[in-house]
Amino acid sequence: MCKKLIHLGCFDQPQDGWENYDITPHLFIARIPFLPYVLFKLKLINSLRYEQHKDRVFNKVKYMNLNKKLKFDDNTVDAYYSSHVFEHLYLKNVRNLLKEIYRTLKPGGILRTALPDLDKILSLYDEKNPNKVLDYLFENNDKSNYKNYHKWMYTKYSFLNELEKAGFDKNKINISEYNISSYDIFKDMDNRQYISFYIEAKK
């Protein structure tokens, strides 16, 4: 029986065997013939994005707004994965999303998530040049990139608390490591190793 595996906020990293979701406009651009080529020639997308379109990367991605109720029925999803997604949502929306993830996971289902680690970021602080920390914290030094601004940040322990509030049992929540998991389905999915923390929560 096929497992229902949901990859939230995949952007340009869709995974085989997973249902990949994002809100990026590239998934709409990919569905209009020749539009990526036109945008590239007009210098509205860069060469990397154009190559990804030629490779049909974004054709593997479906649209989902994570600020709204998840479309899945109760107890139907085997696993969720997300990497550097929740920090782009306001805290209220993250709390609602975690409740939705808990609702839709099957008993025994798993959420694995990677997030920028506020503790690691703050350890980089230099009072003579705070820009590096500020870039990590806000990711908003370019007004044209508004949708990617950070709305909230977490330590591994503060996010663990949010998972508990959403209904997860604290005894079934584990702080993990980069590309280390008890579940083969998450093999080689992690990225941004040096600034992230990783958590797995089981329903």
Protein backbone atom coordinates (compact mmCIF):
# COMPACT_ATOMS: atom_id res chain seq x y z
CA MET A 1 0.00 0.00 0.00
CA CYS A 2 1.41 3.40 -0.98
CA LYS A 3 2.14 5.82 1.80
CA LYS A 4 0.78 9.36 1.72
CA LEU A 5 3.87 11.54 2.10
CA ILE A 6 3.44 15.33 2.08
CA HIS A 7 6.32 17.73 1.44
CA LEU A 8 5.35 21.24 2.57
CA GLY A 9 7.09 24.28 1.09
CA CYS A 10 9.32 22.27 -1.23
CA PHE A 11 10.10 25.20 -3.62
CA ASP A 12 12.74 23.83 -6.06
CA GLN A 13 13.42 20.62 -4.11
CA PRO A 14 10.47 18.32 -4.91
CA GLN A 15 11.06 14.75 -3.83
CA ASP A 16 10.18 11.59 -5.74
CA GLY A 17 7.51 9.57 -3.98
CA TRP A 18 6.17 12.63 -2.16
CA GLU A 19 3.31 15.02 -2.87
CA ASN A 20 5.19 18.31 -3.18
CA TYR A 21 3.49 21.60 -2.32
CA ASP A 22 4.48 25.25 -2.40
CA ILE A 23 3.08 28.71 -3.08
CA THR A 24 5.82 29.83 -5.47
CA PRO A 25 4.67 31.54 -8.70
CA HIS A 26 7.10 29.30 -10.58
CA LEU A 27 4.60 26.44 -10.44
CA PHE A 28 2.17 28.60 -12.47
CA ILE A 29 4.89 29.82 -14.84
CA ALA A 30 5.80 26.19 -15.53
CA ARG A 31 2.33 25.46 -16.85
CA ILE A 32 2.39 28.10 -19.60
CA PRO A 33 4.37 26.99 -22.69
CA PHE A 34 7.41 29.15 -23.50
CA LEU A 35 6.77 31.55 -20.61
CA PRO A 36 9.97 30.55 -18.75
CA TYR A 37 11.96 31.26 -21.94
CA VAL A 38 10.30 34.65 -22.38
CA LEU A 39 10.91 35.62 -18.75
CA PHE A 40 14.53 34.52 -19.01
CA LYS A 41 15.07 36.60 -22.15
CA LEU A 42 13.49 39.58 -20.41
CA LYS A 43 15.86 38.97 -17.47
CA LEU A 44 12.92 38.47 -15.12
CA ILE A 45 14.21 35.06 -14.04
CA ASN A 46 17.84 34.03 -13.75
CA SER A 47 19.67 31.21 -15.52
CA LEU A 48 19.28 28.81 -12.56
CA ARG A 49 15.50 29.17 -12.55
CA TYR A 50 15.37 28.85 -16.32
CA GLU A 51 17.37 25.61 -16.21
CA GLN A 52 15.04 24.31 -13.52
CA HIS A 53 12.08 25.08 -15.73
CA LYS A 54 13.74 23.26 -18.64
CA ASP A 55 14.20 20.28 -16.32
CA ARG A 56 10.48 20.53 -15.40
CA VAL A 57 11.28 20.85 -11.71
CA PHE A 58 8.25 23.02 -10.93
CA ASN A 59 5.88 20.74 -12.85
CA LYS A 60 6.24 18.37 -9.90
CA VAL A 61 4.91 20.99 -7.47
CA LYS A 62 1.28 21.62 -6.50
CA TYR A 63 -0.14 24.79 -4.99
CA MET A 64 -0.93 24.99 -1.28
CA ASN A 65 -1.45 28.00 1.00
CA LEU A 66 -0.28 26.92 4.44
CA ASN A 67 -2.22 29.73 6.10
CA LYS A 68 -5.43 27.85 5.31
CA LYS A 69 -6.90 24.57 6.48
CA LEU A 70 -5.13 21.56 5.01
CA LYS A 71 -7.19 19.74 2.39
CA PHE A 72 -6.51 16.28 3.79
CA ASP A 73 -8.99 14.26 5.86
CA ASP A 74 -8.39 13.32 9.48
CA ASN A 75 -5.86 10.54 10.08
CA THR A 76 -4.90 10.06 6.42
CA VAL A 77 -1.28 11.26 6.10
CA ASP A 78 1.67 8.98 6.88
CA ALA A 79 4.34 11.70 7.07
CA TYR A 80 4.99 15.39 6.62
CA TYR A 81 8.34 16.98 5.83
CA SER A 82 9.24 20.66 5.75
CA SER A 83 12.52 22.55 5.65
CA HIS A 84 12.79 26.25 6.44
CA VAL A 85 9.08 26.87 6.01
CA PHE A 86 7.51 27.71 9.37
CA GLU A 87 9.65 30.79 9.94
CA HIS A 88 7.98 32.39 6.91
CA LEU A 89 4.58 32.24 8.63
CA TYR A 90 3.26 34.33 11.48
CA LEU A 91 3.22 32.51 14.82
CA LYS A 92 -0.60 32.35 14.89
CA ASN A 93 -0.60 30.65 11.49
CA VAL A 94 2.13 28.20 12.52
CA ARG A 95 0.08 27.19 15.53
CA ASN A 96 -2.96 26.57 13.32
CA LEU A 97 -0.83 24.65 10.80
CA LEU A 98 0.67 22.38 13.45
CA LYS A 99 -2.85 21.56 14.68
CA GLU A 100 -3.82 20.76 11.10
CA ILE A 101 -0.78 18.53 10.68
CA TYR A 102 -1.63 16.71 13.89
CA ARG A 103 -5.28 16.33 12.80
CA THR A 104 -4.40 14.85 9.42
CA LEU A 105 -1.57 12.54 10.48
CA LYS A 106 -2.43 8.90 10.97
CA PRO A 107 -1.80 7.48 14.43
CA GLY A 108 1.92 6.74 14.33
CA GLY A 109 2.45 9.27 11.54
CA ILE A 110 5.55 11.48 11.60
CA LEU A 111 6.34 15.15 11.10
CA ARG A 112 9.98 15.97 10.40
CA THR A 113 10.91 19.61 10.13
CA ALA A 114 14.07 21.68 9.79
CA LEU A 115 14.16 25.28 10.94
CA PRO A 116 16.78 28.01 11.25
CA ASP A 117 18.14 27.74 14.77
CA LEU A 118 17.82 31.02 16.66
CA ASP A 119 20.50 29.93 19.13
CA LYS A 120 23.01 29.31 16.34
CA ILE A 121 22.13 32.58 14.64
CA LEU A 122 22.53 34.66 17.77
CA SER A 123 25.90 33.03 18.43
CA LEU A 124 27.14 34.81 15.28
CA TYR A 125 26.36 38.25 16.68
CA ASP A 126 29.09 40.86 16.36
CA GLU A 127 28.23 44.28 17.78
CA LYS A 128 30.55 45.94 15.26
CA ASN A 129 28.85 44.28 12.32
CA PRO A 130 25.43 42.81 13.15
CA ASN A 131 24.34 42.50 9.51
CA LYS A 132 25.00 38.78 9.23
CA VAL A 133 22.71 38.04 12.15
CA LEU A 134 20.09 40.48 10.91
CA ASP A 135 20.10 38.85 7.47
CA TYR A 136 19.48 35.44 9.03
CA LEU A 137 16.81 36.78 11.37
CA PHE A 138 14.73 38.74 8.89
CA GLU A 139 15.82 37.70 5.40
CA ASN A 140 14.23 40.91 4.18
CA ASN A 141 17.02 43.11 2.84
CA ASP A 142 15.37 43.02 -0.58
CA LYS A 143 11.89 44.53 -0.78
CA SER A 144 11.16 42.59 -3.97
CA ASN A 145 11.36 39.36 -1.97
CA TYR A 146 8.55 40.11 0.46
CA LYS A 147 6.97 36.64 0.44
CA ASN A 148 10.23 35.18 1.77
CA TYR A 149 10.55 37.45 4.80
CA HIS A 150 10.92 35.70 8.13
CA LYS A 151 7.89 36.26 10.35
CA TRP A 152 9.05 34.42 13.49
CA MET A 153 12.05 32.46 14.74
CA TYR A 154 12.52 29.46 17.01
CA THR A 155 14.96 27.55 19.14
CA LYS A 156 14.62 23.80 19.13
CA TYR A 157 13.00 23.98 22.56
CA SER A 158 10.54 26.74 21.76
CA PHE A 159 9.40 24.82 18.68
CA LEU A 160 9.11 21.65 20.73
CA ASN A 161 6.71 23.59 22.99
CA GLU A 162 4.64 24.61 19.96
CA LEU A 163 4.38 20.97 18.92
CA GLU A 164 3.10 20.05 22.38
CA LYS A 165 0.49 22.82 22.20
CA ALA A 166 -0.67 21.38 18.87
CA GLY A 167 -1.35 17.99 20.48
CA PHE A 168 1.89 16.03 20.08
CA ASP A 169 3.01 14.01 23.09
CA LYS A 170 6.34 15.39 24.37
CA ASN A 171 7.53 11.79 24.83
CA LYS A 172 7.13 11.26 21.07
CA ILE A 173 9.06 14.36 20.02
CA ASN A 174 12.78 13.97 19.29
CA ILE A 175 15.47 16.51 18.50
CA SER A 176 17.30 15.00 15.56
CA GLU A 177 20.41 15.75 13.52
CA TYR A 178 21.18 16.54 9.90
CA ASN A 179 20.17 13.60 7.68
CA ILE A 180 19.83 11.31 10.68
CA SER A 181 16.41 9.76 11.18
CA SER A 182 14.81 6.57 12.43
CA TYR A 183 12.64 6.61 9.31
CA ASP A 184 14.00 5.75 5.84
CA ILE A 185 11.45 7.99 4.11
CA PHE A 186 13.40 11.08 5.22
CA LYS A 187 16.76 9.90 3.87
CA ASP A 188 18.83 12.67 2.24
CA MET A 189 16.02 15.26 2.42
CA ASP A 190 17.68 17.71 4.84
CA ASN A 191 19.55 20.84 3.79
CA ARG A 192 21.13 23.97 5.32
CA GLN A 193 23.02 21.89 7.84
CA TYR A 194 25.03 24.55 9.62
CA ILE A 195 22.23 26.91 10.63
CA SER A 196 19.36 24.47 11.26
CA PHE A 197 17.83 22.28 13.90
CA TYR A 198 15.81 19.16 13.12
CA ILE A 199 12.82 17.76 14.99
CA GLU A 200 10.67 14.67 14.51
CA ALA A 201 7.25 14.40 16.15
CA LYS A 202 5.14 11.23 16.11
CA LYS A 203 1.38 11.19 16.54
